[in-house]
N, C-alpha and C. Protein backbone atom coordinates (compact mmCIF):
# COMPACT_ATOMS: atom_id res chain seq x y z
N UNK A 1 208.64 -81.30 26.69
CA UNK A 1 209.21 -80.61 25.55
C UNK A 1 209.02 -79.10 25.64
N UNK A 2 207.84 -78.70 26.13
CA UNK A 2 207.59 -77.27 26.28
C UNK A 2 208.53 -76.66 27.31
N UNK A 3 208.86 -77.42 28.33
CA UNK A 3 209.78 -76.92 29.35
C UNK A 3 211.15 -76.62 28.74
N UNK A 4 211.65 -77.51 27.92
CA UNK A 4 212.95 -77.29 27.28
C UNK A 4 212.90 -76.08 26.37
N UNK A 5 211.81 -75.94 25.62
CA UNK A 5 211.67 -74.78 24.74
C UNK A 5 211.69 -73.48 25.54
N UNK A 6 210.97 -73.45 26.65
CA UNK A 6 210.92 -72.23 27.47
C UNK A 6 212.29 -71.93 28.07
N UNK A 7 213.00 -72.94 28.52
CA UNK A 7 214.34 -72.74 29.10
C UNK A 7 215.29 -72.18 28.05
N UNK A 8 215.28 -72.75 26.84
CA UNK A 8 216.13 -72.24 25.76
C UNK A 8 215.73 -70.82 25.39
N UNK A 9 214.43 -70.56 25.33
CA UNK A 9 213.94 -69.22 25.03
C UNK A 9 214.44 -68.21 26.06
N UNK A 10 214.35 -68.57 27.33
CA UNK A 10 214.84 -67.67 28.38
C UNK A 10 216.35 -67.47 28.31
N UNK A 11 217.08 -68.50 27.97
CA UNK A 11 218.54 -68.36 27.85
C UNK A 11 218.88 -67.37 26.74
N UNK A 12 218.22 -67.50 25.60
CA UNK A 12 218.49 -66.60 24.47
C UNK A 12 218.02 -65.18 24.78
N UNK A 13 216.77 -65.06 25.26
CA UNK A 13 216.24 -63.72 25.57
C UNK A 13 217.02 -63.05 26.70
N UNK A 14 217.42 -63.82 27.69
CA UNK A 14 218.20 -63.25 28.78
C UNK A 14 219.53 -62.70 28.32
N UNK A 15 220.17 -63.43 27.41
CA UNK A 15 221.46 -62.97 26.89
C UNK A 15 221.29 -61.72 26.04
N UNK A 16 220.29 -61.71 25.16
CA UNK A 16 220.03 -60.51 24.35
C UNK A 16 219.63 -59.32 25.21
N UNK A 17 218.78 -59.57 26.18
CA UNK A 17 218.34 -58.49 27.06
C UNK A 17 219.50 -57.96 27.89
N UNK A 18 220.48 -58.81 28.16
CA UNK A 18 221.65 -58.36 28.90
C UNK A 18 222.32 -57.19 28.23
N UNK A 19 222.40 -57.21 26.93
CA UNK A 19 223.03 -56.11 26.20
C UNK A 19 222.09 -54.92 26.08
N UNK A 20 220.85 -55.19 25.68
CA UNK A 20 219.91 -54.10 25.41
C UNK A 20 219.52 -53.35 26.68
N UNK A 21 219.11 -54.09 27.70
CA UNK A 21 218.65 -53.45 28.93
C UNK A 21 219.80 -52.76 29.67
N UNK A 22 220.99 -53.35 29.64
CA UNK A 22 222.11 -52.68 30.31
C UNK A 22 222.48 -51.39 29.58
N UNK A 23 222.32 -51.35 28.25
CA UNK A 23 222.53 -50.11 27.50
C UNK A 23 221.53 -49.05 27.93
N UNK A 24 220.25 -49.43 28.04
CA UNK A 24 219.22 -48.48 28.48
C UNK A 24 219.46 -48.03 29.92
N UNK A 25 219.92 -48.94 30.76
CA UNK A 25 220.20 -48.57 32.15
C UNK A 25 221.36 -47.59 32.22
N UNK A 26 222.33 -47.73 31.34
CA UNK A 26 223.44 -46.77 31.31
C UNK A 26 222.95 -45.39 30.88
N UNK A 27 221.95 -45.34 30.00
CA UNK A 27 221.38 -44.04 29.63
C UNK A 27 220.71 -43.37 30.83
N UNK A 28 220.04 -44.16 31.64
CA UNK A 28 219.41 -43.58 32.83
C UNK A 28 220.45 -43.13 33.84
N UNK A 29 221.63 -43.70 33.77
CA UNK A 29 222.72 -43.27 34.64
C UNK A 29 223.20 -41.87 34.32
N UNK A 30 222.84 -41.37 33.14
CA UNK A 30 223.22 -40.01 32.76
C UNK A 30 222.66 -38.97 33.70
N UNK A 31 221.47 -39.20 34.24
CA UNK A 31 220.88 -38.26 35.20
C UNK A 31 221.74 -38.16 36.45
N UNK A 32 222.19 -39.31 36.93
CA UNK A 32 223.05 -39.31 38.11
C UNK A 32 224.38 -38.63 37.84
N UNK A 33 224.93 -38.85 36.65
CA UNK A 33 226.19 -38.20 36.29
C UNK A 33 226.00 -36.70 36.19
N UNK A 34 224.86 -36.27 35.69
CA UNK A 34 224.57 -34.85 35.59
C UNK A 34 224.46 -34.21 36.97
N UNK A 35 223.75 -34.88 37.87
CA UNK A 35 223.62 -34.37 39.24
C UNK A 35 224.99 -34.31 39.91
N UNK A 36 225.81 -35.32 39.66
CA UNK A 36 227.14 -35.36 40.27
C UNK A 36 228.07 -34.27 39.78
N UNK A 37 227.83 -33.76 38.58
CA UNK A 37 228.73 -32.76 38.03
C UNK A 37 228.23 -31.33 38.21
N UNK A 38 227.01 -31.15 38.72
CA UNK A 38 226.47 -29.80 38.91
C UNK A 38 227.17 -29.09 40.06
N UNK A 39 227.36 -27.81 39.90
CA UNK A 39 227.91 -26.99 40.98
C UNK A 39 229.39 -27.21 41.16
N UNK A 40 230.00 -26.27 41.87
CA UNK A 40 231.43 -26.37 42.11
C UNK A 40 231.78 -26.20 43.59
N UNK A 41 230.82 -26.29 44.48
CA UNK A 41 231.09 -26.12 45.90
C UNK A 41 231.79 -27.36 46.46
N UNK A 42 232.95 -27.18 47.00
CA UNK A 42 233.74 -28.31 47.49
C UNK A 42 233.11 -28.96 48.73
N UNK A 43 232.45 -28.17 49.58
CA UNK A 43 231.89 -28.75 50.80
C UNK A 43 230.66 -29.62 50.53
N UNK A 44 230.09 -29.54 49.35
CA UNK A 44 228.94 -30.37 49.00
C UNK A 44 229.32 -31.53 48.07
N UNK A 45 230.61 -31.71 47.85
CA UNK A 45 231.04 -32.74 46.89
C UNK A 45 230.57 -34.13 47.31
N UNK A 46 230.69 -34.49 48.58
CA UNK A 46 230.27 -35.81 49.05
C UNK A 46 228.76 -35.99 48.97
N UNK A 47 228.02 -34.98 49.40
CA UNK A 47 226.56 -35.05 49.36
C UNK A 47 226.08 -35.09 47.91
N UNK A 48 226.72 -34.34 47.05
CA UNK A 48 226.34 -34.31 45.65
C UNK A 48 226.60 -35.68 45.00
N UNK A 49 227.72 -36.28 45.34
CA UNK A 49 228.03 -37.60 44.79
C UNK A 49 227.04 -38.64 45.32
N UNK A 50 226.69 -38.54 46.60
CA UNK A 50 225.70 -39.46 47.17
C UNK A 50 224.34 -39.32 46.50
N UNK A 51 223.92 -38.08 46.26
CA UNK A 51 222.66 -37.85 45.56
C UNK A 51 222.73 -38.38 44.14
N UNK A 52 223.86 -38.20 43.50
CA UNK A 52 224.04 -38.70 42.14
C UNK A 52 223.94 -40.22 42.09
N UNK A 53 224.56 -40.90 43.06
CA UNK A 53 224.50 -42.37 43.10
C UNK A 53 223.06 -42.84 43.34
N UNK A 54 222.33 -42.15 44.22
CA UNK A 54 220.94 -42.51 44.48
C UNK A 54 220.09 -42.32 43.23
N UNK A 55 220.23 -41.18 42.55
CA UNK A 55 219.46 -40.92 41.31
C UNK A 55 219.79 -41.97 40.26
N UNK A 56 221.05 -42.25 40.11
CA UNK A 56 221.49 -43.22 39.11
C UNK A 56 220.98 -44.62 39.46
N UNK A 57 221.05 -45.00 40.72
CA UNK A 57 220.58 -46.32 41.16
C UNK A 57 219.09 -46.48 40.88
N UNK A 58 218.31 -45.45 41.20
CA UNK A 58 216.87 -45.54 40.97
C UNK A 58 216.55 -45.64 39.48
N UNK A 59 217.25 -44.89 38.65
CA UNK A 59 217.03 -44.98 37.21
C UNK A 59 217.39 -46.35 36.66
N UNK A 60 218.56 -46.84 37.04
CA UNK A 60 218.99 -48.16 36.59
C UNK A 60 218.04 -49.24 37.10
N UNK A 61 217.67 -49.15 38.36
CA UNK A 61 216.79 -50.16 38.95
C UNK A 61 215.43 -50.18 38.26
N UNK A 62 214.92 -49.00 37.89
CA UNK A 62 213.62 -48.96 37.22
C UNK A 62 213.68 -49.70 35.88
N UNK A 63 214.75 -49.48 35.14
CA UNK A 63 214.90 -50.16 33.85
C UNK A 63 215.10 -51.66 34.05
N UNK A 64 215.97 -52.03 34.99
CA UNK A 64 216.19 -53.46 35.26
C UNK A 64 214.89 -54.12 35.73
N UNK A 65 214.14 -53.44 36.61
CA UNK A 65 212.91 -54.02 37.14
C UNK A 65 211.80 -54.10 36.10
N UNK A 66 211.85 -53.25 35.08
CA UNK A 66 210.89 -53.38 33.99
C UNK A 66 211.10 -54.72 33.28
N UNK A 67 212.36 -55.07 33.05
CA UNK A 67 212.67 -56.36 32.44
C UNK A 67 212.27 -57.51 33.37
N UNK A 68 212.57 -57.35 34.65
CA UNK A 68 212.20 -58.38 35.63
C UNK A 68 210.68 -58.56 35.66
N UNK A 69 209.94 -57.46 35.63
CA UNK A 69 208.47 -57.54 35.63
C UNK A 69 207.97 -58.30 34.40
N UNK A 70 208.57 -58.04 33.24
CA UNK A 70 208.18 -58.76 32.03
C UNK A 70 208.44 -60.25 32.18
N UNK A 71 209.63 -60.60 32.65
CA UNK A 71 209.99 -62.02 32.78
C UNK A 71 209.08 -62.71 33.80
N UNK A 72 208.86 -62.08 34.94
CA UNK A 72 208.01 -62.69 35.97
C UNK A 72 206.57 -62.82 35.47
N UNK A 73 206.06 -61.78 34.82
CA UNK A 73 204.68 -61.84 34.33
C UNK A 73 204.52 -62.92 33.27
N UNK A 74 205.45 -62.99 32.34
CA UNK A 74 205.38 -64.00 31.28
C UNK A 74 205.51 -65.40 31.88
N UNK A 75 206.40 -65.57 32.83
CA UNK A 75 206.59 -66.88 33.47
C UNK A 75 205.35 -67.28 34.26
N UNK A 76 204.74 -66.32 34.92
CA UNK A 76 203.51 -66.60 35.66
C UNK A 76 202.44 -67.13 34.72
N UNK A 77 202.28 -66.48 33.59
CA UNK A 77 201.27 -66.92 32.62
C UNK A 77 201.61 -68.28 32.02
N UNK A 78 202.89 -68.52 31.74
CA UNK A 78 203.30 -69.82 31.20
C UNK A 78 203.02 -70.93 32.21
N UNK A 79 203.40 -70.72 33.45
CA UNK A 79 203.23 -71.78 34.46
C UNK A 79 201.76 -72.01 34.80
N UNK A 80 200.92 -71.02 34.59
CA UNK A 80 199.48 -71.20 34.83
C UNK A 80 198.80 -71.97 33.70
N UNK A 81 199.22 -71.74 32.47
CA UNK A 81 198.45 -72.21 31.33
C UNK A 81 199.14 -73.26 30.46
N UNK A 82 200.38 -73.61 30.75
CA UNK A 82 201.10 -74.58 29.94
C UNK A 82 201.58 -75.74 30.82
N UNK A 83 201.62 -76.94 30.25
CA UNK A 83 202.13 -78.08 31.03
C UNK A 83 203.67 -78.08 31.03
N UNK A 84 204.25 -77.37 31.96
CA UNK A 84 205.71 -77.27 32.06
C UNK A 84 206.14 -77.66 33.47
N UNK A 85 207.42 -77.98 33.62
CA UNK A 85 207.99 -78.25 34.94
C UNK A 85 208.27 -76.89 35.58
N UNK A 86 207.44 -76.51 36.50
CA UNK A 86 207.44 -75.13 37.02
C UNK A 86 208.76 -74.72 37.64
N UNK A 87 209.35 -75.54 38.47
CA UNK A 87 210.57 -75.12 39.15
C UNK A 87 211.72 -74.92 38.17
N UNK A 88 211.78 -75.72 37.10
CA UNK A 88 212.81 -75.51 36.09
C UNK A 88 212.60 -74.21 35.32
N UNK A 89 211.34 -73.93 35.01
CA UNK A 89 211.03 -72.70 34.29
C UNK A 89 211.34 -71.48 35.16
N UNK A 90 211.06 -71.57 36.46
CA UNK A 90 211.36 -70.43 37.33
C UNK A 90 212.87 -70.21 37.50
N UNK A 91 213.64 -71.28 37.49
CA UNK A 91 215.10 -71.12 37.53
C UNK A 91 215.59 -70.42 36.27
N UNK A 92 215.08 -70.84 35.12
CA UNK A 92 215.45 -70.19 33.86
C UNK A 92 214.99 -68.74 33.84
N UNK A 93 213.83 -68.48 34.42
CA UNK A 93 213.32 -67.10 34.49
C UNK A 93 214.22 -66.23 35.36
N UNK A 94 214.71 -66.79 36.45
CA UNK A 94 215.62 -66.03 37.31
C UNK A 94 216.89 -65.68 36.55
N UNK A 95 217.42 -66.64 35.80
CA UNK A 95 218.60 -66.38 34.98
C UNK A 95 218.32 -65.26 33.99
N UNK A 96 217.21 -65.36 33.27
CA UNK A 96 216.87 -64.35 32.26
C UNK A 96 216.66 -62.98 32.89
N UNK A 97 216.05 -62.95 34.05
CA UNK A 97 215.78 -61.67 34.71
C UNK A 97 217.05 -61.01 35.22
N UNK A 98 218.03 -61.79 35.62
CA UNK A 98 219.25 -61.23 36.19
C UNK A 98 220.31 -60.89 35.15
N UNK A 99 220.16 -61.35 33.93
CA UNK A 99 221.19 -61.14 32.91
C UNK A 99 221.53 -59.67 32.63
N UNK A 100 220.57 -58.76 32.56
CA UNK A 100 220.96 -57.36 32.32
C UNK A 100 221.87 -56.81 33.41
N UNK A 101 221.56 -57.10 34.66
CA UNK A 101 222.42 -56.65 35.74
C UNK A 101 223.79 -57.30 35.70
N UNK A 102 223.82 -58.58 35.36
CA UNK A 102 225.09 -59.29 35.25
C UNK A 102 225.92 -58.73 34.10
N UNK A 103 225.26 -58.46 32.97
CA UNK A 103 225.99 -57.90 31.81
C UNK A 103 226.55 -56.52 32.13
N UNK A 104 225.78 -55.71 32.83
CA UNK A 104 226.26 -54.37 33.20
C UNK A 104 227.43 -54.47 34.18
N UNK A 105 227.33 -55.39 35.14
CA UNK A 105 228.42 -55.56 36.10
C UNK A 105 229.67 -56.10 35.42
N UNK A 106 229.49 -56.99 34.45
CA UNK A 106 230.64 -57.53 33.71
C UNK A 106 231.34 -56.42 32.93
N UNK A 107 230.56 -55.56 32.29
CA UNK A 107 231.15 -54.43 31.56
C UNK A 107 231.85 -53.48 32.51
N UNK A 108 231.26 -53.29 33.68
CA UNK A 108 231.87 -52.41 34.67
C UNK A 108 233.19 -52.98 35.18
N UNK A 109 233.25 -54.29 35.38
CA UNK A 109 234.50 -54.92 35.84
C UNK A 109 235.59 -54.79 34.79
N UNK A 110 235.22 -54.93 33.53
CA UNK A 110 236.21 -54.77 32.46
C UNK A 110 236.73 -53.33 32.43
N UNK A 111 235.84 -52.38 32.69
CA UNK A 111 236.23 -50.97 32.72
C UNK A 111 237.09 -50.67 33.95
N UNK A 112 236.80 -51.34 35.05
CA UNK A 112 237.51 -51.10 36.32
C UNK A 112 238.97 -51.54 36.24
N UNK A 113 239.29 -52.50 35.39
CA UNK A 113 240.66 -52.99 35.26
C UNK A 113 241.60 -51.97 34.63
N UNK A 114 241.03 -50.98 33.93
CA UNK A 114 241.86 -49.94 33.31
C UNK A 114 242.23 -48.92 34.38
N UNK A 115 243.52 -48.78 34.73
CA UNK A 115 243.91 -47.89 35.82
C UNK A 115 243.69 -46.40 35.50
N UNK A 116 243.57 -46.05 34.23
CA UNK A 116 243.38 -44.65 33.88
C UNK A 116 241.94 -44.19 34.01
N UNK A 117 241.02 -45.13 34.06
CA UNK A 117 239.61 -44.77 34.17
C UNK A 117 239.19 -44.65 35.63
N UNK A 118 238.50 -43.59 35.94
CA UNK A 118 237.99 -43.37 37.29
C UNK A 118 236.57 -43.95 37.36
N UNK A 119 236.21 -44.55 38.49
CA UNK A 119 234.87 -45.13 38.62
C UNK A 119 233.82 -44.04 38.51
N UNK A 120 232.85 -44.29 37.66
CA UNK A 120 231.79 -43.31 37.45
C UNK A 120 230.68 -43.50 38.47
N UNK A 121 229.78 -42.54 38.48
CA UNK A 121 228.62 -42.62 39.37
C UNK A 121 227.78 -43.83 39.00
N UNK A 122 227.61 -44.08 37.70
CA UNK A 122 226.82 -45.23 37.25
C UNK A 122 227.45 -46.54 37.71
N UNK A 123 228.76 -46.62 37.74
CA UNK A 123 229.43 -47.83 38.21
C UNK A 123 229.17 -48.05 39.69
N UNK A 124 229.23 -46.98 40.46
CA UNK A 124 228.95 -47.10 41.89
C UNK A 124 227.50 -47.48 42.16
N UNK A 125 226.60 -47.04 41.29
CA UNK A 125 225.18 -47.32 41.48
C UNK A 125 224.80 -48.74 41.10
N UNK A 126 225.65 -49.43 40.35
CA UNK A 126 225.33 -50.79 39.91
C UNK A 126 225.12 -51.76 41.07
N UNK A 127 225.83 -51.56 42.14
CA UNK A 127 225.69 -52.46 43.30
C UNK A 127 224.28 -52.35 43.87
N UNK A 128 223.82 -51.13 44.07
CA UNK A 128 222.48 -50.90 44.61
C UNK A 128 221.43 -51.41 43.62
N UNK A 129 221.63 -51.11 42.34
CA UNK A 129 220.67 -51.55 41.31
C UNK A 129 220.58 -53.06 41.25
N UNK A 130 221.71 -53.73 41.36
CA UNK A 130 221.72 -55.19 41.33
C UNK A 130 220.98 -55.80 42.51
N UNK A 131 221.16 -55.23 43.68
CA UNK A 131 220.45 -55.73 44.86
C UNK A 131 218.94 -55.50 44.72
N UNK A 132 218.55 -54.34 44.20
CA UNK A 132 217.13 -54.07 43.98
C UNK A 132 216.55 -54.99 42.92
N UNK A 133 217.36 -55.36 41.95
CA UNK A 133 216.95 -56.29 40.89
C UNK A 133 216.59 -57.65 41.49
N UNK A 134 217.46 -58.19 42.31
CA UNK A 134 217.22 -59.49 42.93
C UNK A 134 216.02 -59.42 43.88
N UNK A 135 215.98 -58.39 44.70
CA UNK A 135 214.86 -58.21 45.61
C UNK A 135 213.54 -58.08 44.85
N UNK A 136 213.56 -57.30 43.78
CA UNK A 136 212.36 -57.10 42.96
C UNK A 136 211.87 -58.40 42.34
N UNK A 137 212.77 -59.26 41.91
CA UNK A 137 212.36 -60.54 41.32
C UNK A 137 211.51 -61.32 42.31
N UNK A 138 212.00 -61.47 43.53
CA UNK A 138 211.26 -62.27 44.51
C UNK A 138 209.99 -61.58 44.98
N UNK A 139 210.02 -60.27 45.11
CA UNK A 139 208.80 -59.55 45.46
C UNK A 139 207.74 -59.70 44.37
N UNK A 140 208.15 -59.61 43.10
CA UNK A 140 207.20 -59.74 41.99
C UNK A 140 206.67 -61.17 41.88
N UNK A 141 207.49 -62.16 42.20
CA UNK A 141 207.04 -63.55 42.12
C UNK A 141 205.98 -63.82 43.19
N UNK A 142 206.25 -63.38 44.42
CA UNK A 142 205.34 -63.71 45.52
C UNK A 142 204.20 -62.71 45.68
N UNK A 143 204.36 -61.49 45.19
CA UNK A 143 203.30 -60.47 45.23
C UNK A 143 203.21 -59.79 43.87
N UNK A 144 202.62 -60.47 42.89
CA UNK A 144 202.59 -59.94 41.52
C UNK A 144 201.87 -58.59 41.41
N UNK A 145 200.98 -58.29 42.31
CA UNK A 145 200.26 -57.00 42.25
C UNK A 145 201.21 -55.82 42.40
N UNK A 146 202.40 -56.03 42.97
CA UNK A 146 203.38 -54.95 43.10
C UNK A 146 203.84 -54.43 41.74
N UNK A 147 203.78 -55.29 40.73
CA UNK A 147 204.20 -54.87 39.40
C UNK A 147 203.29 -53.78 38.83
N UNK A 148 202.05 -53.75 39.31
CA UNK A 148 201.09 -52.76 38.80
C UNK A 148 201.41 -51.34 39.25
N UNK A 149 202.22 -51.19 40.28
CA UNK A 149 202.51 -49.85 40.81
C UNK A 149 203.50 -49.05 39.98
N UNK A 150 204.34 -49.69 39.21
CA UNK A 150 205.30 -48.92 38.43
C UNK A 150 205.52 -49.44 37.03
N UNK A 151 205.00 -50.63 36.74
CA UNK A 151 205.33 -51.26 35.47
C UNK A 151 204.09 -51.79 34.77
N UNK A 152 202.97 -51.11 34.92
CA UNK A 152 201.73 -51.57 34.30
C UNK A 152 201.83 -51.51 32.77
N UNK A 153 202.74 -50.70 32.25
CA UNK A 153 202.94 -50.56 30.81
C UNK A 153 203.70 -51.73 30.20
N UNK A 154 204.31 -52.56 31.03
CA UNK A 154 205.08 -53.71 30.55
C UNK A 154 204.11 -54.80 30.08
N UNK A 155 204.37 -55.41 28.91
CA UNK A 155 203.46 -56.46 28.42
C UNK A 155 203.29 -57.61 29.41
N UNK A 156 202.09 -58.11 29.49
CA UNK A 156 201.67 -59.27 30.30
C UNK A 156 201.54 -58.97 31.80
N UNK A 157 201.95 -57.80 32.26
CA UNK A 157 201.92 -57.54 33.70
C UNK A 157 200.50 -57.50 34.23
N UNK A 158 199.61 -56.82 33.54
CA UNK A 158 198.22 -56.72 34.01
C UNK A 158 197.58 -58.08 34.12
N UNK A 159 197.82 -58.94 33.15
CA UNK A 159 197.22 -60.28 33.18
C UNK A 159 197.83 -61.15 34.27
N UNK A 160 199.12 -61.03 34.49
CA UNK A 160 199.79 -61.86 35.49
C UNK A 160 199.47 -61.42 36.90
N UNK A 161 199.14 -60.16 37.09
CA UNK A 161 198.87 -59.65 38.43
C UNK A 161 197.48 -60.04 38.93
N UNK A 162 196.64 -60.53 38.03
CA UNK A 162 195.31 -60.98 38.43
C UNK A 162 195.39 -62.33 39.12
N UNK A 163 194.52 -62.59 40.08
CA UNK A 163 194.51 -63.92 40.70
C UNK A 163 194.26 -65.00 39.65
N UNK A 164 194.76 -66.19 39.87
CA UNK A 164 194.71 -67.23 38.86
C UNK A 164 193.30 -67.73 38.56
N UNK A 165 192.34 -67.45 39.39
CA UNK A 165 190.97 -67.91 39.15
C UNK A 165 190.22 -67.08 38.14
N UNK A 166 190.73 -65.87 37.80
CA UNK A 166 189.98 -65.00 36.88
C UNK A 166 190.50 -65.09 35.48
């Protein structure tokens, strides 16, 4: 019964986080857009756009990975201390962790269908951010101590990063 409750909880939280976290990630994309619009030198346009995409990707990835760190840390604690079917809970956790990136990509695809809109720097950075999101999930699952390097402020991370014997 606890397994079903956790799966439903992750489905609801993942869907809600899809909207909230993708909104925050779009705010971090503002830095990349700012870098992309600075200066007027034509010979640096490609380099400036590349730098803007990198800045935007890192900002988006940090926000997405904060959510991933929360989900992984909470799931680690649940699977250690509650009688649940672990593999089912981890599948639900993966869904919940990936929802913000999926929601942002879905919004970007809807925007891309409009022929009058030009792809923004944040849209180009979503591909890199999404790949870092998936990579981060598996890195955090198998090496939870990695969460302490950038996301120690996220709830449950400190407790989940400790070995299970303590």
